[in-house]
Amino acid sequence: MARTSRGPVRVTIAQIEVSNDHAANLLVVRSAFTEAQRLQADLLVLPEYASGFDPRGVGIEHAEPLDGPFVTTLQRWAAETGVAVIAGTTLPGSGSGSGSGSGTTRAVNAVVAIDGGGHLVGVYRKVHLYDAFGHRESDRLEPGPVDAAPTTMTVGGLTFGVMTCYDLRFPESARRLVDAGADVLVVPAAWAAGDLKADHWRTLARARAIENTSVVLAVGQAGKGVTGRSLLVGPDGQVGLELDERAGLRTADVDPGALGAVREANPSLVNRRYAVVPKDQQQR
């Protein structure tokens, strides 16, 4: 079982390679749970699209409902091991009762947060679709509601806020999570490879950590067409852990005391003068 101490929260970063084969992907995830349990981790973080992935694009063919095999298996393994999990998946779009439903041709890029008792605590539906650098995620996916409540989960003495991949380029997404109490920003991703993309990934993760005096856990996929290079960034912007392009698991402790010390020395959140609200709620 995971540790119950109120001290540092132990996190396992699973930079896995994900395929089209959902059953095979679950075997990989099972191994990640086993390793996280062995190291007495409190939280396992999997990348975006951990249930199924195609570098050419993910859509309705990969969608599973929340009561489908991927999420329910995560819930069962979390309950068995005591390890909470945050993982990317693909859900059916609106009007579709299943991954093969005829009510929609688009799916939803989502991240689920499941606590160490196996309870589904929250579901984040990606707001910013990746229509950039020659990609058109909106051809296959529908965006999540911009006014949905921020998705957070408390593990140990820390609150983890959930965003995903392309959201990292939008600082207001991170700030909204921090306003909801997040100490740690969790960014599951399948960050597309390309010129300067790895540099952008690292730079943006550090920026989100510095401007929010928050820890950033940016967990990427390994494999064809994606960048890998998962990061754990401290609230002072220093990179404490970094993987390369290859698949791998790393475990580290996140210390609430160190986070508090940085926020005391650099009270930028207290000194701010502007709030973040959804675009359609802005006064004109």
C-alpha atoms as a PDB file:
ATOM      1  CA  MET A   1       0.000   0.000   0.000  1.00  0.00           C
ATOM      2  CA  ALA A   2       1.063   3.612  -0.538  1.00  0.00           C
ATOM      3  CA  ARG A   3       2.564   5.513   2.380  1.00  0.00           C
ATOM      4  CA  THR A   4       0.237   7.469   4.665  1.00  0.00           C
ATOM      5  CA  SER A   5       2.786  10.010   5.903  1.00  0.00           C
ATOM      6  CA  ARG A   6       1.971  13.719   5.740  1.00  0.00           C
ATOM      7  CA  GLY A   7       5.505  14.397   4.562  1.00  0.00           C
ATOM      8  CA  PRO A   8       6.684  14.425   0.926  1.00  0.00           C
ATOM      9  CA  VAL A   9       4.376  12.936  -1.676  1.00  0.00           C
ATOM     10  CA  ARG A  10       6.086  10.266  -3.762  1.00  0.00           C
ATOM     11  CA  VAL A  11       5.266  10.357  -7.471  1.00  0.00           C
ATOM     12  CA  THR A  12       6.090   7.852 -10.204  1.00  0.00           C
ATOM     13  CA  ILE A  13       6.383   9.330 -13.689  1.00  0.00           C
ATOM     14  CA  ALA A  14       5.544   6.741 -16.360  1.00  0.00           C
ATOM     15  CA  GLN A  15       6.906   7.820 -19.734  1.00  0.00           C
ATOM     16  CA  ILE A  16       5.461   4.880 -21.626  1.00  0.00           C
ATOM     17  CA  GLU A  17       5.117   4.084 -25.308  1.00  0.00           C
ATOM     18  CA  VAL A  18       1.441   3.740 -26.283  1.00  0.00           C
ATOM     19  CA  SER A  19       0.119   1.831 -29.292  1.00  0.00           C
ATOM     20  CA  ASN A  20      -3.186   1.260 -31.086  1.00  0.00           C
ATOM     21  CA  ASP A  21      -3.635  -1.951 -29.063  1.00  0.00           C
ATOM     22  CA  HIS A  22      -5.651  -1.059 -25.973  1.00  0.00           C
ATOM     23  CA  ALA A  23      -5.174  -4.442 -24.299  1.00  0.00           C
ATOM     24  CA  ALA A  24      -1.398  -4.272 -24.777  1.00  0.00           C
ATOM     25  CA  ASN A  25      -1.354  -0.749 -23.361  1.00  0.00           C
ATOM     26  CA  LEU A  26      -3.069  -1.983 -20.206  1.00  0.00           C
ATOM     27  CA  LEU A  27      -0.264  -4.503 -19.711  1.00  0.00           C
ATOM     28  CA  VAL A  28       2.251  -1.663 -19.860  1.00  0.00           C
ATOM     29  CA  VAL A  29       0.194   0.329 -17.372  1.00  0.00           C
ATOM     30  CA  ARG A  30      -0.013  -2.695 -15.075  1.00  0.00           C
ATOM     31  CA  SER A  31       3.798  -2.799 -14.994  1.00  0.00           C
ATOM     32  CA  ALA A  32       3.891   0.886 -14.118  1.00  0.00           C
ATOM     33  CA  PHE A  33       1.494   0.295 -11.209  1.00  0.00           C
ATOM     34  CA  THR A  34       3.653  -2.584 -10.000  1.00  0.00           C
ATOM     35  CA  GLU A  35       6.756  -0.406 -10.013  1.00  0.00           C
ATOM     36  CA  ALA A  36       4.973   2.471  -8.311  1.00  0.00           C
ATOM     37  CA  GLN A  37       3.717   0.135  -5.588  1.00  0.00           C
ATOM     38  CA  ARG A  38       7.182  -1.384  -5.126  1.00  0.00           C
ATOM     39  CA  LEU A  39       8.635   2.078  -4.535  1.00  0.00           C
ATOM     40  CA  GLN A  40       5.742   3.029  -2.221  1.00  0.00           C
ATOM     41  CA  ALA A  41       4.593   5.826  -4.496  1.00  0.00           C
ATOM     42  CA  ASP A  42       1.494   7.786  -3.605  1.00  0.00           C
ATOM     43  CA  LEU A  43       0.695   8.800  -7.183  1.00  0.00           C
ATOM     44  CA  LEU A  44       1.335   7.393 -10.655  1.00  0.00           C
ATOM     45  CA  VAL A  45       1.165   9.789 -13.605  1.00  0.00           C
ATOM     46  CA  LEU A  46       0.628   8.397 -17.112  1.00  0.00           C
ATOM     47  CA  PRO A  47       0.798  10.424 -20.335  1.00  0.00           C
ATOM     48  CA  GLU A  48      -1.935  11.781 -22.573  1.00  0.00           C
ATOM     49  CA  TYR A  49      -3.788   9.140 -24.633  1.00  0.00           C
ATOM     50  CA  ALA A  50      -2.474   6.350 -22.374  1.00  0.00           C
ATOM     51  CA  SER A  51      -5.384   4.092 -23.331  1.00  0.00           C
ATOM     52  CA  GLY A  52      -4.602   4.136 -27.061  1.00  0.00           C
ATOM     53  CA  PHE A  53      -2.597   6.279 -29.467  1.00  0.00           C
ATOM     54  CA  ASP A  54      -1.825   6.765 -33.139  1.00  0.00           C
ATOM     55  CA  PRO A  55       0.712   9.489 -34.040  1.00  0.00           C
ATOM     56  CA  ARG A  56      -1.356  10.252 -37.148  1.00  0.00           C
ATOM     57  CA  GLY A  57      -4.258  11.279 -34.930  1.00  0.00           C
ATOM     58  CA  VAL A  58      -6.603   9.925 -32.267  1.00  0.00           C
ATOM     59  CA  GLY A  59     -10.373   9.998 -32.667  1.00  0.00           C
ATOM     60  CA  ILE A  60     -13.616   8.150 -32.099  1.00  0.00           C
ATOM     61  CA  GLU A  61     -12.052   4.789 -32.978  1.00  0.00           C
ATOM     62  CA  HIS A  62     -10.052   4.980 -29.721  1.00  0.00           C
ATOM     63  CA  ALA A  63     -12.874   6.212 -27.489  1.00  0.00           C
ATOM     64  CA  GLU A  64     -14.023   4.281 -24.423  1.00  0.00           C
ATOM     65  CA  PRO A  65     -16.655   5.469 -21.924  1.00  0.00           C
ATOM     66  CA  LEU A  66     -15.732   6.118 -18.314  1.00  0.00           C
ATOM     67  CA  ASP A  67     -17.231   2.745 -17.381  1.00  0.00           C
ATOM     68  CA  GLY A  68     -15.190   1.023 -20.102  1.00  0.00           C
ATOM     69  CA  PRO A  69     -12.179  -1.249 -19.610  1.00  0.00           C
ATOM     70  CA  PHE A  70      -9.430   1.377 -19.349  1.00  0.00           C
ATOM     71  CA  VAL A  71     -10.809   3.587 -16.599  1.00  0.00           C
ATOM     72  CA  THR A  72     -12.416   0.782 -14.601  1.00  0.00           C
ATOM     73  CA  THR A  73      -9.165  -1.187 -14.695  1.00  0.00           C
ATOM     74  CA  LEU A  74      -7.248   1.853 -13.451  1.00  0.00           C
ATOM     75  CA  GLN A  75      -9.761   2.151 -10.623  1.00  0.00           C
ATOM     76  CA  ARG A  76      -9.320  -1.499  -9.684  1.00  0.00           C
ATOM     77  CA  TRP A  77      -5.526  -1.326  -9.725  1.00  0.00           C
ATOM     78  CA  ALA A  78      -5.513   1.910  -7.732  1.00  0.00           C
ATOM     79  CA  ALA A  79      -7.697   0.272  -5.077  1.00  0.00           C
ATOM     80  CA  GLU A  80      -5.505  -2.855  -5.018  1.00  0.00           C
ATOM     81  CA  THR A  81      -2.208  -0.973  -4.724  1.00  0.00           C
ATOM     82  CA  GLY A  82      -3.254   2.158  -2.855  1.00  0.00           C
ATOM     83  CA  VAL A  83      -1.564   4.229  -5.597  1.00  0.00           C
ATOM     84  CA  ALA A  84      -3.576   7.141  -6.980  1.00  0.00           C
ATOM     85  CA  VAL A  85      -3.323   7.688 -10.730  1.00  0.00           C
ATOM     86  CA  ILE A  86      -3.696  10.510 -13.249  1.00  0.00           C
ATOM     87  CA  ALA A  87      -3.928   9.292 -16.841  1.00  0.00           C
ATOM     88  CA  GLY A  88      -4.908  10.479 -20.292  1.00  0.00           C
ATOM     89  CA  THR A  89      -7.647   8.643 -22.169  1.00  0.00           C
ATOM     90  CA  THR A  90     -10.175   9.191 -24.979  1.00  0.00           C
ATOM     91  CA  LEU A  91     -13.908   9.408 -24.319  1.00  0.00           C
ATOM     92  CA  PRO A  92     -16.875   9.347 -26.717  1.00  0.00           C
ATOM     93  CA  GLY A  93     -18.034  12.777 -27.836  1.00  0.00           C
ATOM     94  CA  SER A  94     -21.410  14.294 -27.119  1.00  0.00           C
ATOM     95  CA  GLY A  95     -24.362  12.337 -28.462  1.00  0.00           C
ATOM     96  CA  SER A  96     -22.430   9.066 -28.501  1.00  0.00           C
ATOM     97  CA  GLY A  97     -23.112   6.324 -26.005  1.00  0.00           C
ATOM     98  CA  SER A  98     -20.014   4.305 -26.939  1.00  0.00           C
ATOM     99  CA  GLY A  99     -16.809   4.487 -28.892  1.00  0.00           C
ATOM    100  CA  SER A 100     -18.626   3.275 -31.994  1.00  0.00           C
ATOM    101  CA  GLY A 101     -21.761   5.385 -31.488  1.00  0.00           C
ATOM    102  CA  SER A 102     -23.283   7.040 -34.515  1.00  0.00           C
ATOM    103  CA  GLY A 103     -24.251  10.282 -32.762  1.00  0.00           C
ATOM    104  CA  THR A 104     -20.909  11.941 -33.337  1.00  0.00           C
ATOM    105  CA  THR A 105     -17.792  11.593 -35.439  1.00  0.00           C
ATOM    106  CA  ARG A 106     -15.589  13.180 -32.807  1.00  0.00           C
ATOM    107  CA  ALA A 107     -14.244  12.057 -29.450  1.00  0.00           C
ATOM    108  CA  VAL A 108     -12.968  13.863 -26.339  1.00  0.00           C
ATOM    109  CA  ASN A 109      -9.362  14.052 -25.187  1.00  0.00           C
ATOM    110  CA  ALA A 110      -9.637  13.567 -21.427  1.00  0.00           C
ATOM    111  CA  VAL A 111      -7.580  13.017 -18.298  1.00  0.00           C
ATOM    112  CA  VAL A 112      -8.944  11.055 -15.350  1.00  0.00           C
ATOM    113  CA  ALA A 113      -7.915  11.466 -11.720  1.00  0.00           C
ATOM    114  CA  ILE A 114      -8.403   8.405  -9.505  1.00  0.00           C
ATOM    115  CA  ASP A 115      -7.510   8.324  -5.821  1.00  0.00           C
ATOM    116  CA  GLY A 116      -5.757   5.552  -3.915  1.00  0.00           C
ATOM    117  CA  GLY A 117      -9.102   4.021  -2.969  1.00  0.00           C
ATOM    118  CA  GLY A 118     -10.019   3.561  -6.617  1.00  0.00           C
ATOM    119  CA  HIS A 119     -12.564   6.389  -6.720  1.00  0.00           C
ATOM    120  CA  LEU A 120     -12.872   8.523  -9.842  1.00  0.00           C
ATOM    121  CA  VAL A 121     -12.261  11.986  -8.372  1.00  0.00           C
ATOM    122  CA  GLY A 122     -12.373  14.049 -11.549  1.00  0.00           C
ATOM    123  CA  VAL A 123     -12.336  14.127 -15.333  1.00  0.00           C
ATOM    124  CA  TYR A 124     -10.681  16.921 -17.284  1.00  0.00           C
ATOM    125  CA  ARG A 125     -11.796  17.330 -20.896  1.00  0.00           C
ATOM    126  CA  LYS A 126      -9.136  19.119 -22.926  1.00  0.00           C
ATOM    127  CA  VAL A 127     -10.083  22.719 -23.676  1.00  0.00           C
ATOM    128  CA  HIS A 128      -7.300  23.738 -26.075  1.00  0.00           C
ATOM    129  CA  LEU A 129      -7.260  21.428 -29.095  1.00  0.00           C
ATOM    130  CA  TYR A 130      -3.997  21.094 -30.958  1.00  0.00           C
ATOM    131  CA  ASP A 131      -4.680  22.935 -34.199  1.00  0.00           C
ATOM    132  CA  ALA A 132      -1.088  24.051 -34.752  1.00  0.00           C
ATOM    133  CA  PHE A 133       2.183  23.039 -36.401  1.00  0.00           C
ATOM    134  CA  GLY A 134       0.293  21.260 -39.171  1.00  0.00           C
ATOM    135  CA  HIS A 135      -1.967  19.248 -36.845  1.00  0.00           C
ATOM    136  CA  ARG A 136      -5.786  19.470 -36.668  1.00  0.00           C
ATOM    137  CA  GLU A 137      -6.959  17.835 -33.465  1.00  0.00           C
ATOM    138  CA  SER A 138     -10.364  19.482 -33.844  1.00  0.00           C
ATOM    139  CA  ASP A 139     -11.051  17.358 -36.936  1.00  0.00           C
ATOM    140  CA  ARG A 140     -11.244  14.315 -34.650  1.00  0.00           C
ATOM    141  CA  LEU A 141     -11.989  15.765 -31.218  1.00  0.00           C
ATOM    142  CA  GLU A 142     -14.435  18.162 -29.614  1.00  0.00           C
ATOM    143  CA  PRO A 143     -13.196  20.581 -26.920  1.00  0.00           C
ATOM    144  CA  GLY A 144     -14.167  20.404 -23.310  1.00  0.00           C
ATOM    145  CA  PRO A 145     -16.272  23.194 -21.767  1.00  0.00           C
ATOM    146  CA  VAL A 146     -14.173  26.234 -20.893  1.00  0.00           C
ATOM    147  CA  ASP A 147     -16.287  26.971 -17.818  1.00  0.00           C
ATOM    148  CA  ALA A 148     -16.001  23.493 -16.290  1.00  0.00           C
ATOM    149  CA  ALA A 149     -14.722  23.473 -12.727  1.00  0.00           C
ATOM    150  CA  PRO A 150     -10.947  22.960 -12.516  1.00  0.00           C
ATOM    151  CA  THR A 151      -9.962  19.329 -12.022  1.00  0.00           C
ATOM    152  CA  THR A 152      -7.906  18.779  -8.874  1.00  0.00           C
ATOM    153  CA  MET A 153      -7.086  15.854  -6.591  1.00  0.00           C
ATOM    154  CA  THR A 154      -5.478  15.937  -3.166  1.00  0.00           C
ATOM    155  CA  VAL A 155      -2.815  13.308  -2.471  1.00  0.00           C
ATOM    156  CA  GLY A 156      -1.056  13.454   0.876  1.00  0.00           C
ATOM    157  CA  GLY A 157      -0.523  17.090   1.759  1.00  0.00           C
ATOM    158  CA  LEU A 158      -0.595  18.399  -1.821  1.00  0.00           C
ATOM    159  CA  THR A 159      -3.278  19.305  -4.329  1.00  0.00           C
ATOM    160  CA  PHE A 160      -2.614  18.250  -7.926  1.00  0.00           C
ATOM    161  CA  GLY A 161      -4.243  20.237 -10.745  1.00  0.00           C
ATOM    162  CA  VAL A 162      -4.834  18.632 -14.136  1.00  0.00           C
ATOM    163  CA  MET A 163      -4.267  20.044 -17.612  1.00  0.00           C
ATOM    164  CA  THR A 164      -2.904  18.336 -20.728  1.00  0.00           C
ATOM    165  CA  CYS A 165      -0.378  18.783 -23.541  1.00  0.00           C
ATOM    166  CA  TYR A 166      -1.241  21.861 -25.691  1.00  0.00           C
ATOM    167  CA  ASP A 167      -2.761  23.530 -22.594  1.00  0.00           C
ATOM    168  CA  LEU A 168       0.830  24.087 -21.469  1.00  0.00           C
ATOM    169  CA  ARG A 169       1.101  26.915 -24.025  1.00  0.00           C
ATOM    170  CA  PHE A 170      -1.741  28.825 -22.319  1.00  0.00           C
ATOM    171  CA  PRO A 171      -0.639  30.278 -18.966  1.00  0.00           C
ATOM    172  CA  GLU A 172      -4.195  31.079 -17.923  1.00  0.00           C
ATOM    173  CA  SER A 173      -4.982  27.335 -17.790  1.00  0.00           C
ATOM    174  CA  ALA A 174      -2.284  26.812 -15.184  1.00  0.00           C
ATOM    175  CA  ARG A 175      -3.209  29.937 -13.232  1.00  0.00           C
ATOM    176  CA  ARG A 176      -6.860  28.866 -13.042  1.00  0.00           C
ATOM    177  CA  LEU A 177      -5.770  25.575 -11.467  1.00  0.00           C
ATOM    178  CA  VAL A 178      -3.567  27.399  -8.983  1.00  0.00           C
ATOM    179  CA  ASP A 179      -6.502  29.637  -8.088  1.00  0.00           C
ATOM    180  CA  ALA A 180      -8.424  26.422  -7.349  1.00  0.00           C
ATOM    181  CA  GLY A 181      -5.737  25.409  -4.866  1.00  0.00           C
ATOM    182  CA  ALA A 182      -3.290  23.415  -6.984  1.00  0.00           C
ATOM    183  CA  ASP A 183       0.230  23.067  -5.587  1.00  0.00           C
ATOM    184  CA  VAL A 184       1.360  20.795  -8.402  1.00  0.00           C
ATOM    185  CA  LEU A 185       0.453  21.190 -12.082  1.00  0.00           C
ATOM    186  CA  VAL A 186       0.184  17.803 -13.796  1.00  0.00           C
ATOM    187  CA  VAL A 187       0.543  17.846 -17.578  1.00  0.00           C
ATOM    188  CA  PRO A 188       0.075  14.455 -19.277  1.00  0.00           C
ATOM    189  CA  ALA A 189       1.148  14.877 -22.896  1.00  0.00           C
ATOM    190  CA  ALA A 190       1.860  13.305 -26.253  1.00  0.00           C
ATOM    191  CA  TRP A 191       3.969  16.319 -27.234  1.00  0.00           C
ATOM    192  CA  ALA A 192       4.495  16.149 -30.982  1.00  0.00           C
ATOM    193  CA  ALA A 193       8.101  15.945 -32.160  1.00  0.00           C
ATOM    194  CA  GLY A 194       9.512  18.581 -34.504  1.00  0.00           C
ATOM    195  CA  ASP A 195      11.818  21.572 -34.799  1.00  0.00           C
ATOM    196  CA  LEU A 196      12.219  23.344 -31.453  1.00  0.00           C
ATOM    197  CA  LYS A 197       9.385  21.308 -29.933  1.00  0.00           C
ATOM    198  CA  ALA A 198      11.494  19.737 -27.159  1.00  0.00           C
ATOM    199  CA  ASP A 199      12.865  23.178 -26.335  1.00  0.00           C
ATOM    200  CA  HIS A 200       9.362  24.646 -26.179  1.00  0.00           C
ATOM    201  CA  TRP A 201       8.197  21.787 -23.934  1.00  0.00           C
ATOM    202  CA  ARG A 202      11.004  22.323 -21.435  1.00  0.00           C
ATOM    203  CA  THR A 203      10.807  26.117 -21.525  1.00  0.00           C
ATOM    204  CA  LEU A 204       7.035  26.222 -21.073  1.00  0.00           C
ATOM    205  CA  ALA A 205       7.089  23.718 -18.207  1.00  0.00           C
ATOM    206  CA  ARG A 206       9.682  25.844 -16.402  1.00  0.00           C
ATOM    207  CA  ALA A 207       7.726  29.032 -17.108  1.00  0.00           C
ATOM    208  CA  ARG A 208       4.497  27.595 -15.698  1.00  0.00           C
ATOM    209  CA  ALA A 209       6.416  26.539 -12.562  1.00  0.00           C
ATOM    210  CA  ILE A 210       8.104  29.916 -12.054  1.00  0.00           C
ATOM    211  CA  GLU A 211       5.093  32.169 -12.689  1.00  0.00           C
ATOM    212  CA  ASN A 212       2.845  30.076 -10.430  1.00  0.00           C
ATOM    213  CA  THR A 213       5.474  29.123  -7.833  1.00  0.00           C
ATOM    214  CA  SER A 214       4.191  25.579  -8.360  1.00  0.00           C
ATOM    215  CA  VAL A 215       5.701  22.204  -9.011  1.00  0.00           C
ATOM    216  CA  VAL A 216       5.142  21.020 -12.598  1.00  0.00           C
ATOM    217  CA  LEU A 217       4.927  17.337 -13.494  1.00  0.00           C
ATOM    218  CA  ALA A 218       5.043  17.231 -17.298  1.00  0.00           C
ATOM    219  CA  VAL A 219       4.744  13.588 -18.354  1.00  0.00           C
ATOM    220  CA  GLY A 220       5.190  12.806 -22.038  1.00  0.00           C
ATOM    221  CA  GLN A 221       4.767   9.750 -24.188  1.00  0.00           C
ATOM    222  CA  ALA A 222       7.747   7.945 -25.646  1.00  0.00           C
ATOM    223  CA  GLY A 223       7.741   6.565 -29.177  1.00  0.00           C
ATOM    224  CA  LYS A 224       7.221   7.528 -32.791  1.00  0.00           C
ATOM    225  CA  GLY A 225       6.153  11.101 -33.480  1.00  0.00           C
ATOM    226  CA  VAL A 226       6.348  12.319 -29.885  1.00  0.00           C
ATOM    227  CA  THR A 227       9.008  14.012 -27.782  1.00  0.00           C
ATOM    228  CA  GLY A 228       9.196  12.139 -24.475  1.00  0.00           C
ATOM    229  CA  ARG A 229      11.443  14.191 -22.154  1.00  0.00           C
ATOM    230  CA  SER A 230       9.209  14.120 -19.090  1.00  0.00           C
ATOM    231  CA  LEU A 231      10.091  16.721 -16.458  1.00  0.00           C
ATOM    232  CA  LEU A 232       9.662  17.418 -12.783  1.00  0.00           C
ATOM    233  CA  VAL A 233      10.186  21.153 -12.253  1.00  0.00           C
ATOM    234  CA  GLY A 234      10.379  22.794  -8.845  1.00  0.00           C
ATOM    235  CA  PRO A 235       8.479  25.971  -7.928  1.00  0.00           C
ATOM    236  CA  ASP A 236      11.720  27.913  -8.404  1.00  0.00           C
ATOM    237  CA  GLY A 237      11.948  26.710 -12.016  1.00  0.00           C
ATOM    238  CA  GLN A 238      14.785  24.277 -11.431  1.00  0.00           C
ATOM    239  CA  VAL A 239      14.515  20.928 -13.200  1.00  0.00           C
ATOM    240  CA  GLY A 240      14.820  18.188 -10.620  1.00  0.00           C
ATOM    241  CA  LEU A 241      14.192  15.226 -12.900  1.00  0.00           C
ATOM    242  CA  GLU A 242      14.282  14.825 -16.672  1.00  0.00           C
ATOM    243  CA  LEU A 243      13.974  11.825 -18.967  1.00  0.00           C
ATOM    244  CA  ASP A 244      15.209  11.466 -22.536  1.00  0.00           C
ATOM    245  CA  GLU A 245      13.170  10.242 -25.520  1.00  0.00           C
ATOM    246  CA  ARG A 246      13.092   6.591 -24.460  1.00  0.00           C
ATOM    247  CA  ALA A 247      10.395   4.856 -22.436  1.00  0.00           C
ATOM    248  CA  GLY A 248      11.141   4.786 -18.741  1.00  0.00           C
ATOM    249  CA  LEU A 249       9.834   5.202 -15.201  1.00  0.00           C
ATOM    250  CA  ARG A 250      11.244   7.534 -12.577  1.00  0.00           C
ATOM    251  CA  THR A 251      10.117   8.195  -9.023  1.00  0.00           C
ATOM    252  CA  ALA A 252      10.677  11.321  -6.948  1.00  0.00           C
ATOM    253  CA  ASP A 253       9.387  12.979  -3.794  1.00  0.00           C
ATOM    254  CA  VAL A 254       7.559  16.320  -3.850  1.00  0.00           C
ATOM    255  CA  ASP A 255       8.074  18.179  -0.565  1.00  0.00           C
ATOM    256  CA  PRO A 256       5.262  20.496   0.619  1.00  0.00           C
ATOM    257  CA  GLY A 257       7.728  22.266   2.917  1.00  0.00           C
ATOM    258  CA  ALA A 258      10.035  23.224   0.055  1.00  0.00           C
ATOM    259  CA  LEU A 259       7.064  24.455  -1.966  1.00  0.00           C
ATOM    260  CA  GLY A 260       5.898  26.619   0.926  1.00  0.00           C
ATOM    261  CA  ALA A 261       9.361  28.120   1.365  1.00  0.00           C
ATOM    262  CA  VAL A 262       9.490  29.205  -2.285  1.00  0.00           C
ATOM    263  CA  ARG A 263       6.033  30.775  -2.094  1.00  0.00           C
ATOM    264  CA  GLU A 264       6.994  32.647   1.050  1.00  0.00           C
ATOM    265  CA  ALA A 265      10.177  34.045  -0.509  1.00  0.00           C
ATOM    266  CA  ASN A 266       8.458  34.832  -3.832  1.00  0.00           C
ATOM    267  CA  PRO A 267       4.819  35.837  -3.081  1.00  0.00           C
ATOM    268  CA  SER A 268       3.923  36.554  -6.701  1.00  0.00           C
ATOM    269  CA  LEU A 269       0.539  34.856  -6.347  1.00  0.00           C
ATOM    270  CA  VAL A 270      -0.333  37.224  -3.505  1.00  0.00           C
ATOM    271  CA  ASN A 271       0.918  40.228  -5.450  1.00  0.00           C
ATOM    272  CA  ARG A 272      -1.078  39.559  -8.617  1.00  0.00           C
ATOM    273  CA  ARG A 273      -3.659  42.083  -9.824  1.00  0.00           C
ATOM    274  CA  TYR A 274      -5.645  40.196 -12.466  1.00  0.00           C
ATOM    275  CA  ALA A 275      -8.001  37.223 -12.349  1.00  0.00           C
ATOM    276  CA  VAL A 276      -8.498  34.486 -14.946  1.00  0.00           C
ATOM    277  CA  VAL A 277     -12.023  33.845 -16.207  1.00  0.00           C
ATOM    278  CA  PRO A 278     -13.371  31.906 -19.221  1.00  0.00           C
ATOM    279  CA  LYS A 279     -13.377  33.993 -22.388  1.00  0.00           C
ATOM    280  CA  ASP A 280     -17.157  33.947 -22.831  1.00  0.00           C
ATOM    281  CA  GLN A 281     -17.555  35.330 -19.283  1.00  0.00           C
ATOM    282  CA  GLN A 282     -15.414  38.405 -19.898  1.00  0.00           C
ATOM    283  CA  GLN A 283     -17.218  41.712 -19.724  1.00  0.00           C
ATOM    284  CA  ARG A 284     -17.373  43.654 -22.954  1.00  0.00           C
END
